[in-house]
Amino acid sequence: MRRRSLLVAPVLAGLAACAEDEDPEPPRRYHDGRLYIGTSITTGVYYLLGGALADLVTRNVAGFEARAEPTNASVDNIRRIGADDMQMGFTLADAAADAIAGRAAFQGKAQPVTALARLYPNTMQVVVRVDQTITTVADLRGKRVSTGAPGAGTEAFALRILAAAGLDPDNDVSRRALTIGQTTAGMTDGSLDAFFFAGGLPAPDIAQLLSSAPGRFALLPLDRLEAPLNLTYARSYTRVSMPKAAYGTETDIGTLAVANLLLVAPDTPVDLAFQLTGLLFTHQDELVAAHPEGRNIKRETAWDTGSVPLHPGARKYYAS
């Protein structure tokens, strides 16, 4: 067995004790050998990593063929897994916690979800027009702001940040629910003053926007909002530094992040979930080739999915 810290080893031993060794008859949705992976828009990190993962599944998991599907990301992916439309999906951890609790976008209809792994941190990136003199989130009062596509994890995260800054998202800003493509177009033509985007670094659309008009746009620091945000959503968000190399900024920028998770349907066969989890680490170099965030998936922390339960097959893998 691989050497582990004294703190982690007992946890993984407990995971092994809980893992199931035998599968019942596989659910009908797995009989045709097709796996659909819910991702994001086609320029998003989820889609890039999902495409690489789909290729790994098709080449390495006998009897299965996988395909990455473009979606509106976190909330959409959870709903589609729950509706048996997809078998796997990427999501923000806070959106998955909301699904389990039946709150926010899932109010009144809790969604049972299970995770294969904690992935890389999703970094909130807020881009503002320099000519609007916006230096804090509170300065967004009265501004035209895109909070992300409906059903995407960015939207929930953005609304919580606005509230933590003392703003009512529905009344204090002119809020638009737009895709990243619509958003960058709005920033370019001047119909938007700012936007939120939660994703890996660098985000291609943001990199293109910033490079297309040097000096016209800036990234807004968010790290001072960690404490008020976590007063309501304890331990959901962490303070991180956005390195200057990500977008060629003069300095690193303090911001906030939330973990990404890879989810599967709860009735996924244990052996299949075990194999899918293993692909993240035995072929990690191929994920890194698809996007640099692939290197930030760490086996040492991947089992820690917070309030979202690990699938028994994933527990079995981390205990092996």
C-alpha atoms as a PDB file:
ATOM      1  CA  MET A   1       0.000   0.000   0.000  1.00  0.00           C
ATOM      2  CA  ARG A   2       1.214   3.517  -0.830  1.00  0.00           C
ATOM      3  CA  ARG A   3       2.648   5.405   2.162  1.00  0.00           C
ATOM      4  CA  ARG A   4       0.199   7.938   3.575  1.00  0.00           C
ATOM      5  CA  SER A   5       0.246  10.431   6.419  1.00  0.00           C
ATOM      6  CA  LEU A   6      -0.830   9.216   9.848  1.00  0.00           C
ATOM      7  CA  LEU A   7      -3.775  11.595   9.638  1.00  0.00           C
ATOM      8  CA  VAL A   8      -5.056  10.411   6.267  1.00  0.00           C
ATOM      9  CA  ALA A   9      -4.469   6.665   6.661  1.00  0.00           C
ATOM     10  CA  PRO A  10      -7.248   6.060   9.245  1.00  0.00           C
ATOM     11  CA  VAL A  11      -9.714   7.942   7.062  1.00  0.00           C
ATOM     12  CA  LEU A  12      -8.873   5.811   4.052  1.00  0.00           C
ATOM     13  CA  ALA A  13      -9.064   2.682   6.151  1.00  0.00           C
ATOM     14  CA  GLY A  14     -12.588   3.713   7.032  1.00  0.00           C
ATOM     15  CA  LEU A  15     -13.341   4.232   3.371  1.00  0.00           C
ATOM     16  CA  ALA A  16     -12.212   0.692   2.636  1.00  0.00           C
ATOM     17  CA  ALA A  17     -14.480  -0.704   5.321  1.00  0.00           C
ATOM     18  CA  CYS A  18     -17.448   1.101   3.765  1.00  0.00           C
ATOM     19  CA  ALA A  19     -16.740   0.180   0.143  1.00  0.00           C
ATOM     20  CA  GLU A  20     -18.977  -2.366  -1.548  1.00  0.00           C
ATOM     21  CA  ASP A  21     -17.305  -5.307  -3.245  1.00  0.00           C
ATOM     22  CA  GLU A  22     -20.198  -6.737  -5.189  1.00  0.00           C
ATOM     23  CA  ASP A  23     -22.433  -5.073  -7.732  1.00  0.00           C
ATOM     24  CA  PRO A  24     -26.090  -5.948  -8.232  1.00  0.00           C
ATOM     25  CA  GLU A  25     -27.428  -6.123 -11.776  1.00  0.00           C
ATOM     26  CA  PRO A  26     -26.237  -2.885 -13.481  1.00  0.00           C
ATOM     27  CA  PRO A  27     -28.991  -0.279 -13.977  1.00  0.00           C
ATOM     28  CA  ARG A  28     -30.609  -0.252 -17.395  1.00  0.00           C
ATOM     29  CA  ARG A  29     -28.943   3.016 -18.393  1.00  0.00           C
ATOM     30  CA  TYR A  30     -25.552   1.260 -18.398  1.00  0.00           C
ATOM     31  CA  HIS A  31     -26.583  -1.670 -20.577  1.00  0.00           C
ATOM     32  CA  ASP A  32     -25.790   0.041 -23.896  1.00  0.00           C
ATOM     33  CA  GLY A  33     -22.216   0.845 -22.859  1.00  0.00           C
ATOM     34  CA  ARG A  34     -22.547   4.601 -23.387  1.00  0.00           C
ATOM     35  CA  LEU A  35     -21.397   7.174 -20.849  1.00  0.00           C
ATOM     36  CA  TYR A  36     -22.358  10.812 -21.252  1.00  0.00           C
ATOM     37  CA  ILE A  37     -20.294  13.357 -19.305  1.00  0.00           C
ATOM     38  CA  GLY A  38     -21.883  16.706 -18.475  1.00  0.00           C
ATOM     39  CA  THR A  39     -19.318  19.490 -18.911  1.00  0.00           C
ATOM     40  CA  SER A  40     -19.743  23.197 -19.772  1.00  0.00           C
ATOM     41  CA  ILE A  41     -19.627  25.478 -22.792  1.00  0.00           C
ATOM     42  CA  THR A  42     -17.138  24.275 -25.381  1.00  0.00           C
ATOM     43  CA  THR A  43     -14.462  26.783 -24.364  1.00  0.00           C
ATOM     44  CA  GLY A  44     -14.734  25.907 -20.661  1.00  0.00           C
ATOM     45  CA  VAL A  45     -12.239  23.876 -18.636  1.00  0.00           C
ATOM     46  CA  TYR A  46     -14.925  21.296 -17.831  1.00  0.00           C
ATOM     47  CA  TYR A  47     -15.425  20.643 -21.535  1.00  0.00           C
ATOM     48  CA  LEU A  48     -11.697  20.378 -22.257  1.00  0.00           C
ATOM     49  CA  LEU A  49     -11.057  17.994 -19.367  1.00  0.00           C
ATOM     50  CA  GLY A  50     -14.305  16.151 -20.069  1.00  0.00           C
ATOM     51  CA  GLY A  51     -13.253  15.503 -23.660  1.00  0.00           C
ATOM     52  CA  ALA A  52      -9.939  14.065 -22.501  1.00  0.00           C
ATOM     53  CA  LEU A  53     -11.705  11.946 -19.861  1.00  0.00           C
ATOM     54  CA  ALA A  54     -14.215  10.644 -22.410  1.00  0.00           C
ATOM     55  CA  ASP A  55     -11.337   9.544 -24.629  1.00  0.00           C
ATOM     56  CA  LEU A  56      -9.676   7.784 -21.681  1.00  0.00           C
ATOM     57  CA  VAL A  57     -12.890   5.929 -20.835  1.00  0.00           C
ATOM     58  CA  THR A  58     -13.417   4.804 -24.410  1.00  0.00           C
ATOM     59  CA  ARG A  59      -9.845   3.519 -24.696  1.00  0.00           C
ATOM     60  CA  ASN A  60      -9.430   1.974 -21.267  1.00  0.00           C
ATOM     61  CA  VAL A  61     -12.769   0.814 -19.836  1.00  0.00           C
ATOM     62  CA  ALA A  62     -13.859  -2.365 -21.598  1.00  0.00           C
ATOM     63  CA  GLY A  63     -17.389  -2.299 -22.971  1.00  0.00           C
ATOM     64  CA  PHE A  64     -17.905   1.452 -22.610  1.00  0.00           C
ATOM     65  CA  GLU A  65     -17.803   4.427 -24.935  1.00  0.00           C
ATOM     66  CA  ALA A  66     -17.929   7.926 -23.463  1.00  0.00           C
ATOM     67  CA  ARG A  67     -18.758  11.341 -24.868  1.00  0.00           C
ATOM     68  CA  ALA A  68     -18.360  14.810 -23.363  1.00  0.00           C
ATOM     69  CA  GLU A  69     -21.552  16.832 -23.721  1.00  0.00           C
ATOM     70  CA  PRO A  70     -21.604  20.662 -23.704  1.00  0.00           C
ATOM     71  CA  THR A  71     -23.992  22.002 -21.047  1.00  0.00           C
ATOM     72  CA  ASN A  72     -24.629  25.021 -18.813  1.00  0.00           C
ATOM     73  CA  ALA A  73     -22.268  23.401 -16.277  1.00  0.00           C
ATOM     74  CA  SER A  74     -22.781  22.697 -12.551  1.00  0.00           C
ATOM     75  CA  VAL A  75     -26.516  22.934 -11.836  1.00  0.00           C
ATOM     76  CA  ASP A  76     -27.432  21.708 -15.300  1.00  0.00           C
ATOM     77  CA  ASN A  77     -25.118  18.709 -14.960  1.00  0.00           C
ATOM     78  CA  ILE A  78     -26.564  17.718 -11.584  1.00  0.00           C
ATOM     79  CA  ARG A  79     -30.108  17.940 -12.886  1.00  0.00           C
ATOM     80  CA  ARG A  80     -29.285  15.885 -15.957  1.00  0.00           C
ATOM     81  CA  ILE A  81     -27.631  13.166 -13.892  1.00  0.00           C
ATOM     82  CA  GLY A  82     -30.734  13.100 -11.691  1.00  0.00           C
ATOM     83  CA  ALA A  83     -32.953  12.846 -14.766  1.00  0.00           C
ATOM     84  CA  ASP A  84     -30.944   9.854 -16.111  1.00  0.00           C
ATOM     85  CA  ASP A  85     -29.902  11.976 -19.074  1.00  0.00           C
ATOM     86  CA  MET A  86     -26.195  11.649 -18.180  1.00  0.00           C
ATOM     87  CA  GLN A  87     -24.088   9.315 -16.094  1.00  0.00           C
ATOM     88  CA  MET A  88     -21.278  11.689 -15.057  1.00  0.00           C
ATOM     89  CA  GLY A  89     -20.733  15.412 -14.699  1.00  0.00           C
ATOM     90  CA  PHE A  90     -18.485  18.186 -13.429  1.00  0.00           C
ATOM     91  CA  THR A  91     -19.763  20.598 -10.802  1.00  0.00           C
ATOM     92  CA  LEU A  92     -18.806  23.150  -8.192  1.00  0.00           C
ATOM     93  CA  ALA A  93     -18.850  21.699  -4.675  1.00  0.00           C
ATOM     94  CA  ASP A  94     -21.232  24.390  -3.397  1.00  0.00           C
ATOM     95  CA  ALA A  95     -23.759  23.554  -6.122  1.00  0.00           C
ATOM     96  CA  ALA A  96     -23.557  19.849  -5.206  1.00  0.00           C
ATOM     97  CA  ALA A  97     -24.061  20.700  -1.527  1.00  0.00           C
ATOM     98  CA  ASP A  98     -27.122  22.752  -2.504  1.00  0.00           C
ATOM     99  CA  ALA A  99     -28.455  19.788  -4.485  1.00  0.00           C
ATOM    100  CA  ILE A 100     -28.172  17.456  -1.500  1.00  0.00           C
ATOM    101  CA  ALA A 101     -29.832  19.994   0.795  1.00  0.00           C
ATOM    102  CA  GLY A 102     -32.535  20.912  -1.734  1.00  0.00           C
ATOM    103  CA  ARG A 103     -31.777  24.640  -1.516  1.00  0.00           C
ATOM    104  CA  ALA A 104     -30.951  27.530  -3.862  1.00  0.00           C
ATOM    105  CA  ALA A 105     -31.415  26.326  -7.463  1.00  0.00           C
ATOM    106  CA  PHE A 106     -32.699  22.963  -6.173  1.00  0.00           C
ATOM    107  CA  GLN A 107     -35.167  24.373  -3.666  1.00  0.00           C
ATOM    108  CA  GLY A 108     -37.939  21.895  -2.978  1.00  0.00           C
ATOM    109  CA  LYS A 109     -36.311  19.048  -4.910  1.00  0.00           C
ATOM    110  CA  ALA A 110     -33.170  17.558  -3.381  1.00  0.00           C
ATOM    111  CA  GLN A 111     -30.926  15.627  -5.755  1.00  0.00           C
ATOM    112  CA  PRO A 112     -29.008  12.551  -4.573  1.00  0.00           C
ATOM    113  CA  VAL A 113     -25.461  12.863  -5.916  1.00  0.00           C
ATOM    114  CA  THR A 114     -22.210  10.997  -5.319  1.00  0.00           C
ATOM    115  CA  ALA A 115     -18.666  11.996  -6.190  1.00  0.00           C
ATOM    116  CA  LEU A 116     -15.656  10.265  -7.669  1.00  0.00           C
ATOM    117  CA  ALA A 117     -13.169  12.980  -6.781  1.00  0.00           C
ATOM    118  CA  ARG A 118     -12.398  16.467  -5.622  1.00  0.00           C
ATOM    119  CA  LEU A 119     -10.648  18.089  -8.576  1.00  0.00           C
ATOM    120  CA  TYR A 120      -8.894  21.439  -8.975  1.00  0.00           C
ATOM    121  CA  PRO A 121     -10.128  24.651  -7.306  1.00  0.00           C
ATOM    122  CA  ASN A 122     -12.519  26.782  -9.336  1.00  0.00           C
ATOM    123  CA  THR A 123     -11.381  30.393  -9.149  1.00  0.00           C
ATOM    124  CA  MET A 124     -13.838  33.275  -9.241  1.00  0.00           C
ATOM    125  CA  GLN A 125     -12.722  35.874 -11.756  1.00  0.00           C
ATOM    126  CA  VAL A 126     -14.442  39.261 -11.848  1.00  0.00           C
ATOM    127  CA  VAL A 127     -13.566  41.441 -14.821  1.00  0.00           C
ATOM    128  CA  VAL A 128     -14.493  45.135 -14.790  1.00  0.00           C
ATOM    129  CA  ARG A 129     -14.225  48.078 -17.173  1.00  0.00           C
ATOM    130  CA  VAL A 130     -11.433  50.380 -16.036  1.00  0.00           C
ATOM    131  CA  ASP A 131     -13.346  53.511 -17.074  1.00  0.00           C
ATOM    132  CA  GLN A 132     -16.079  52.712 -14.526  1.00  0.00           C
ATOM    133  CA  THR A 133     -13.688  53.087 -11.544  1.00  0.00           C
ATOM    134  CA  ILE A 134     -14.743  49.826  -9.903  1.00  0.00           C
ATOM    135  CA  THR A 135     -12.265  48.795  -7.208  1.00  0.00           C
ATOM    136  CA  THR A 136     -14.466  46.688  -4.891  1.00  0.00           C
ATOM    137  CA  VAL A 137     -17.553  44.516  -5.300  1.00  0.00           C
ATOM    138  CA  ALA A 138     -19.564  47.195  -3.472  1.00  0.00           C
ATOM    139  CA  ASP A 139     -18.727  49.556  -6.375  1.00  0.00           C
ATOM    140  CA  LEU A 140     -20.885  47.377  -8.635  1.00  0.00           C
ATOM    141  CA  ARG A 141     -23.992  49.091  -7.245  1.00  0.00           C
ATOM    142  CA  GLY A 142     -25.988  50.418 -10.176  1.00  0.00           C
ATOM    143  CA  LYS A 143     -23.705  48.757 -12.739  1.00  0.00           C
ATOM    144  CA  ARG A 144     -24.610  46.383 -15.560  1.00  0.00           C
ATOM    145  CA  VAL A 145     -23.272  43.018 -14.417  1.00  0.00           C
ATOM    146  CA  SER A 146     -23.316  39.525 -15.938  1.00  0.00           C
ATOM    147  CA  THR A 147     -23.532  36.833 -13.260  1.00  0.00           C
ATOM    148  CA  GLY A 148     -23.219  33.902 -15.637  1.00  0.00           C
ATOM    149  CA  ALA A 149     -25.529  31.601 -17.525  1.00  0.00           C
ATOM    150  CA  PRO A 150     -28.686  30.358 -15.769  1.00  0.00           C
ATOM    151  CA  GLY A 151     -28.001  26.962 -14.200  1.00  0.00           C
ATOM    152  CA  ALA A 152     -24.236  27.434 -14.104  1.00  0.00           C
ATOM    153  CA  GLY A 153     -22.270  27.295 -10.866  1.00  0.00           C
ATOM    154  CA  THR A 154     -20.913  30.781 -11.565  1.00  0.00           C
ATOM    155  CA  GLU A 155     -24.352  32.284 -11.026  1.00  0.00           C
ATOM    156  CA  ALA A 156     -24.861  30.916  -7.494  1.00  0.00           C
ATOM    157  CA  PHE A 157     -21.298  31.849  -6.479  1.00  0.00           C
ATOM    158  CA  ALA A 158     -21.672  35.358  -7.941  1.00  0.00           C
ATOM    159  CA  LEU A 159     -24.966  36.050  -6.174  1.00  0.00           C
ATOM    160  CA  ARG A 160     -23.443  35.019  -2.856  1.00  0.00           C
ATOM    161  CA  ILE A 161     -20.456  37.309  -3.383  1.00  0.00           C
ATOM    162  CA  LEU A 162     -22.728  40.244  -4.160  1.00  0.00           C
ATOM    163  CA  ALA A 163     -24.753  39.573  -1.008  1.00  0.00           C
ATOM    164  CA  ALA A 164     -21.565  39.254   1.088  1.00  0.00           C
ATOM    165  CA  ALA A 165     -20.583  42.722  -0.163  1.00  0.00           C
ATOM    166  CA  GLY A 166     -23.902  44.130   1.049  1.00  0.00           C
ATOM    167  CA  LEU A 167     -25.632  44.269  -2.333  1.00  0.00           C
ATOM    168  CA  ASP A 168     -29.057  42.909  -3.254  1.00  0.00           C
ATOM    169  CA  PRO A 169     -28.384  41.044  -6.528  1.00  0.00           C
ATOM    170  CA  ASP A 170     -31.909  41.705  -7.787  1.00  0.00           C
ATOM    171  CA  ASN A 171     -32.167  45.393  -6.930  1.00  0.00           C
ATOM    172  CA  ASP A 172     -28.731  46.947  -6.439  1.00  0.00           C
ATOM    173  CA  VAL A 173     -27.197  45.900  -9.770  1.00  0.00           C
ATOM    174  CA  SER A 174     -28.550  45.632 -13.297  1.00  0.00           C
ATOM    175  CA  ARG A 175     -28.049  41.893 -13.479  1.00  0.00           C
ATOM    176  CA  ARG A 176     -27.786  39.913 -16.715  1.00  0.00           C
ATOM    177  CA  ALA A 177     -27.700  36.101 -16.887  1.00  0.00           C
ATOM    178  CA  LEU A 178     -25.438  35.529 -19.899  1.00  0.00           C
ATOM    179  CA  THR A 179     -23.102  32.894 -21.247  1.00  0.00           C
ATOM    180  CA  ILE A 180     -19.394  33.705 -21.252  1.00  0.00           C
ATOM    181  CA  GLY A 181     -19.511  34.306 -25.017  1.00  0.00           C
ATOM    182  CA  GLN A 182     -22.408  36.766 -24.697  1.00  0.00           C
ATOM    183  CA  THR A 183     -20.662  38.351 -21.726  1.00  0.00           C
ATOM    184  CA  THR A 184     -17.342  39.041 -23.426  1.00  0.00           C
ATOM    185  CA  ALA A 185     -19.234  40.458 -26.407  1.00  0.00           C
ATOM    186  CA  GLY A 186     -21.101  42.778 -24.034  1.00  0.00           C
ATOM    187  CA  MET A 187     -17.875  43.922 -22.413  1.00  0.00           C
ATOM    188  CA  THR A 188     -16.388  44.616 -25.826  1.00  0.00           C
ATOM    189  CA  ASP A 189     -19.348  46.632 -27.136  1.00  0.00           C
ATOM    190  CA  GLY A 190     -19.807  48.524 -23.852  1.00  0.00           C
ATOM    191  CA  SER A 191     -23.224  47.120 -22.884  1.00  0.00           C
ATOM    192  CA  LEU A 192     -21.765  45.563 -19.709  1.00  0.00           C
ATOM    193  CA  ASP A 193     -19.639  47.068 -16.950  1.00  0.00           C
ATOM    194  CA  ALA A 194     -18.483  43.889 -15.223  1.00  0.00           C
ATOM    195  CA  PHE A 195     -18.909  40.139 -15.093  1.00  0.00           C
ATOM    196  CA  PHE A 196     -18.319  37.105 -12.906  1.00  0.00           C
ATOM    197  CA  PHE A 197     -16.830  33.844 -14.121  1.00  0.00           C
ATOM    198  CA  ALA A 198     -15.867  30.852 -11.981  1.00  0.00           C
ATOM    199  CA  GLY A 199     -13.499  28.433 -13.663  1.00  0.00           C
ATOM    200  CA  GLY A 200      -9.989  27.149 -14.082  1.00  0.00           C
ATOM    201  CA  LEU A 201      -7.015  29.346 -14.880  1.00  0.00           C
ATOM    202  CA  PRO A 202      -6.581  30.668 -17.438  1.00  0.00           C
ATOM    203  CA  ALA A 203     -10.086  30.866 -18.916  1.00  0.00           C
ATOM    204  CA  PRO A 204      -9.674  31.167 -22.722  1.00  0.00           C
ATOM    205  CA  ASP A 205     -12.479  33.711 -23.170  1.00  0.00           C
ATOM    206  CA  ILE A 206     -11.095  35.981 -20.463  1.00  0.00           C
ATOM    207  CA  ALA A 207      -7.546  35.696 -21.773  1.00  0.00           C
ATOM    208  CA  GLN A 208      -8.737  36.683 -25.243  1.00  0.00           C
ATOM    209  CA  LEU A 209     -10.765  39.626 -23.910  1.00  0.00           C
ATOM    210  CA  LEU A 210      -7.898  41.025 -21.831  1.00  0.00           C
ATOM    211  CA  SER A 211      -5.347  40.636 -24.607  1.00  0.00           C
ATOM    212  CA  SER A 212      -7.638  42.192 -27.212  1.00  0.00           C
ATOM    213  CA  ALA A 213      -7.846  45.539 -25.397  1.00  0.00           C
ATOM    214  CA  PRO A 214      -4.872  46.080 -23.068  1.00  0.00           C
ATOM    215  CA  GLY A 215      -5.635  48.566 -20.306  1.00  0.00           C
ATOM    216  CA  ARG A 216      -9.382  48.617 -20.920  1.00  0.00           C
ATOM    217  CA  PHE A 217     -10.308  45.885 -18.437  1.00  0.00           C
ATOM    218  CA  ALA A 218      -9.098  44.819 -14.988  1.00  0.00           C
ATOM    219  CA  LEU A 219      -9.541  41.913 -12.573  1.00  0.00           C
ATOM    220  CA  LEU A 220     -11.207  42.733  -9.263  1.00  0.00           C
ATOM    221  CA  PRO A 221      -9.776  41.480  -5.912  1.00  0.00           C
ATOM    222  CA  LEU A 222     -12.267  39.452  -3.855  1.00  0.00           C
ATOM    223  CA  ASP A 223     -10.246  37.948  -0.998  1.00  0.00           C
ATOM    224  CA  ARG A 224     -11.590  40.349   1.670  1.00  0.00           C
ATOM    225  CA  LEU A 225     -15.033  38.797   1.240  1.00  0.00           C
ATOM    226  CA  GLU A 226     -13.959  35.347   2.437  1.00  0.00           C
ATOM    227  CA  ALA A 227     -15.003  35.920   6.061  1.00  0.00           C
ATOM    228  CA  PRO A 228     -18.513  37.363   5.423  1.00  0.00           C
ATOM    229  CA  LEU A 229     -19.170  34.744   2.749  1.00  0.00           C
ATOM    230  CA  ASN A 230     -18.238  31.836   5.004  1.00  0.00           C
ATOM    231  CA  LEU A 231     -20.344  33.185   7.861  1.00  0.00           C
ATOM    232  CA  THR A 232     -23.293  31.952   5.840  1.00  0.00           C
ATOM    233  CA  TYR A 233     -21.660  29.126   3.858  1.00  0.00           C
ATOM    234  CA  ALA A 234     -19.173  27.722   6.362  1.00  0.00           C
ATOM    235  CA  ARG A 235     -15.972  26.300   4.858  1.00  0.00           C
ATOM    236  CA  SER A 236     -17.358  26.379   1.326  1.00  0.00           C
ATOM    237  CA  TYR A 237     -15.000  29.029  -0.018  1.00  0.00           C
ATOM    238  CA  THR A 238     -11.276  29.630   0.307  1.00  0.00           C
ATOM    239  CA  ARG A 239      -8.983  32.592  -0.270  1.00  0.00           C
ATOM    240  CA  VAL A 240      -6.559  32.021  -3.148  1.00  0.00           C
ATOM    241  CA  SER A 241      -4.070  34.000  -5.184  1.00  0.00           C
ATOM    242  CA  MET A 242      -4.584  34.360  -8.922  1.00  0.00           C
ATOM    243  CA  PRO A 243      -1.006  34.301 -10.233  1.00  0.00           C
ATOM    244  CA  LYS A 244       0.046  37.141 -12.481  1.00  0.00           C
ATOM    245  CA  ALA A 245       1.147  34.597 -15.085  1.00  0.00           C
ATOM    246  CA  ALA A 246      -2.485  33.545 -15.637  1.00  0.00           C
ATOM    247  CA  TYR A 247      -3.416  36.723 -17.514  1.00  0.00           C
ATOM    248  CA  GLY A 248      -0.240  38.779 -17.555  1.00  0.00           C
ATOM    249  CA  THR A 249      -1.312  41.116 -14.762  1.00  0.00           C
ATOM    250  CA  GLU A 250       1.286  43.241 -12.965  1.00  0.00           C
ATOM    251  CA  THR A 251       0.757  41.440  -9.641  1.00  0.00           C
ATOM    252  CA  ASP A 252      -0.975  38.385  -8.213  1.00  0.00           C
ATOM    253  CA  ILE A 253      -4.626  39.071  -7.381  1.00  0.00           C
ATOM    254  CA  GLY A 254      -6.360  37.840  -4.252  1.00  0.00           C
ATOM    255  CA  THR A 255      -9.654  36.137  -4.999  1.00  0.00           C
ATOM    256  CA  LEU A 256     -11.919  33.279  -3.881  1.00  0.00           C
ATOM    257  CA  ALA A 257     -12.255  29.674  -4.954  1.00  0.00           C
ATOM    258  CA  VAL A 258     -14.511  26.671  -4.501  1.00  0.00           C
ATOM    259  CA  ALA A 259     -13.584  23.062  -5.208  1.00  0.00           C
ATOM    260  CA  ASN A 260     -14.714  21.247  -8.329  1.00  0.00           C
ATOM    261  CA  LEU A 261     -16.105  17.732  -8.092  1.00  0.00           C
ATOM    262  CA  LEU A 262     -16.583  14.933 -10.601  1.00  0.00           C
ATOM    263  CA  LEU A 263     -19.987  13.353  -9.988  1.00  0.00           C
ATOM    264  CA  VAL A 264     -21.560  10.084 -11.042  1.00  0.00           C
ATOM    265  CA  ALA A 265     -25.065   8.724 -10.707  1.00  0.00           C
ATOM    266  CA  PRO A 266     -25.460   7.029  -7.303  1.00  0.00           C
ATOM    267  CA  ASP A 267     -26.387   3.711  -8.933  1.00  0.00           C
ATOM    268  CA  THR A 268     -23.175   3.515 -10.985  1.00  0.00           C
ATOM    269  CA  PRO A 269     -21.739  -0.016 -10.591  1.00  0.00           C
ATOM    270  CA  VAL A 270     -18.954  -0.147  -8.003  1.00  0.00           C
ATOM    271  CA  ASP A 271     -16.375  -1.679 -10.344  1.00  0.00           C
ATOM    272  CA  LEU A 272     -17.100   0.914 -13.029  1.00  0.00           C
ATOM    273  CA  ALA A 273     -16.774   3.780 -10.533  1.00  0.00           C
ATOM    274  CA  PHE A 274     -13.494   2.262  -9.315  1.00  0.00           C
ATOM    275  CA  GLN A 275     -12.103   2.224 -12.863  1.00  0.00           C
ATOM    276  CA  LEU A 276     -13.326   5.744 -13.655  1.00  0.00           C
ATOM    277  CA  THR A 277     -11.671   7.120 -10.523  1.00  0.00           C
ATOM    278  CA  GLY A 278      -8.397   5.413 -11.364  1.00  0.00           C
ATOM    279  CA  LEU A 279      -8.277   7.022 -14.812  1.00  0.00           C
ATOM    280  CA  LEU A 280      -7.874  10.455 -13.203  1.00  0.00           C
ATOM    281  CA  PHE A 281      -4.508   9.429 -11.778  1.00  0.00           C
ATOM    282  CA  THR A 282      -3.094   6.670 -13.990  1.00  0.00           C
ATOM    283  CA  HIS A 283      -3.572   8.890 -17.066  1.00  0.00           C
ATOM    284  CA  GLN A 284      -3.274  12.311 -15.447  1.00  0.00           C
ATOM    285  CA  ASP A 285      -0.708  13.439 -17.996  1.00  0.00           C
ATOM    286  CA  GLU A 286      -3.392  13.299 -20.684  1.00  0.00           C
ATOM    287  CA  LEU A 287      -5.703  15.475 -18.600  1.00  0.00           C
ATOM    288  CA  VAL A 288      -2.863  17.979 -18.127  1.00  0.00           C
ATOM    289  CA  ALA A 289      -2.372  18.037 -21.892  1.00  0.00           C
ATOM    290  CA  ALA A 290      -6.040  18.983 -22.285  1.00  0.00           C
ATOM    291  CA  HIS A 291      -5.788  21.807 -19.727  1.00  0.00           C
ATOM    292  CA  PRO A 292      -3.145  22.828 -17.145  1.00  0.00           C
ATOM    293  CA  GLU A 293      -5.680  22.492 -14.299  1.00  0.00           C
ATOM    294  CA  GLY A 294      -5.387  18.737 -14.770  1.00  0.00           C
ATOM    295  CA  ARG A 295      -2.166  18.794 -12.756  1.00  0.00           C
ATOM    296  CA  ASN A 296      -4.042  20.199  -9.748  1.00  0.00           C
ATOM    297  CA  ILE A 297      -6.027  16.995  -9.225  1.00  0.00           C
ATOM    298  CA  LYS A 298      -4.299  15.435  -6.214  1.00  0.00           C
ATOM    299  CA  ARG A 299      -4.912  11.881  -5.045  1.00  0.00           C
ATOM    300  CA  GLU A 300      -3.969  12.985  -1.517  1.00  0.00           C
ATOM    301  CA  THR A 301      -7.005  15.291  -1.342  1.00  0.00           C
ATOM    302  CA  ALA A 302      -9.314  13.902  -4.043  1.00  0.00           C
ATOM    303  CA  TRP A 303     -11.219  11.749  -1.530  1.00  0.00           C
ATOM    304  CA  ASP A 304     -12.190  14.828   0.529  1.00  0.00           C
ATOM    305  CA  THR A 305     -15.461  15.834  -1.116  1.00  0.00           C
ATOM    306  CA  GLY A 306     -16.919  17.545   1.952  1.00  0.00           C
ATOM    307  CA  SER A 307     -20.649  17.121   2.410  1.00  0.00           C
ATOM    308  CA  VAL A 308     -20.983  15.278  -0.911  1.00  0.00           C
ATOM    309  CA  PRO A 309     -20.641  11.507  -0.349  1.00  0.00           C
ATOM    310  CA  LEU A 310     -18.043   9.504  -2.230  1.00  0.00           C
ATOM    311  CA  HIS A 311     -19.377   6.738  -4.443  1.00  0.00           C
ATOM    312  CA  PRO A 312     -18.487   3.302  -2.943  1.00  0.00           C
ATOM    313  CA  GLY A 313     -16.322   2.541  -5.978  1.00  0.00           C
ATOM    314  CA  ALA A 314     -14.304   5.712  -5.415  1.00  0.00           C
ATOM    315  CA  ARG A 315     -13.916   4.879  -1.724  1.00  0.00           C
ATOM    316  CA  LYS A 316     -12.587   1.490  -2.743  1.00  0.00           C
ATOM    317  CA  TYR A 317     -10.063   3.092  -5.096  1.00  0.00           C
ATOM    318  CA  TYR A 318      -8.667   5.585  -2.550  1.00  0.00           C
ATOM    319  CA  ALA A 319      -8.313   2.789   0.016  1.00  0.00           C
ATOM    320  CA  SER A 320      -6.375   0.559  -2.417  1.00  0.00           C
END
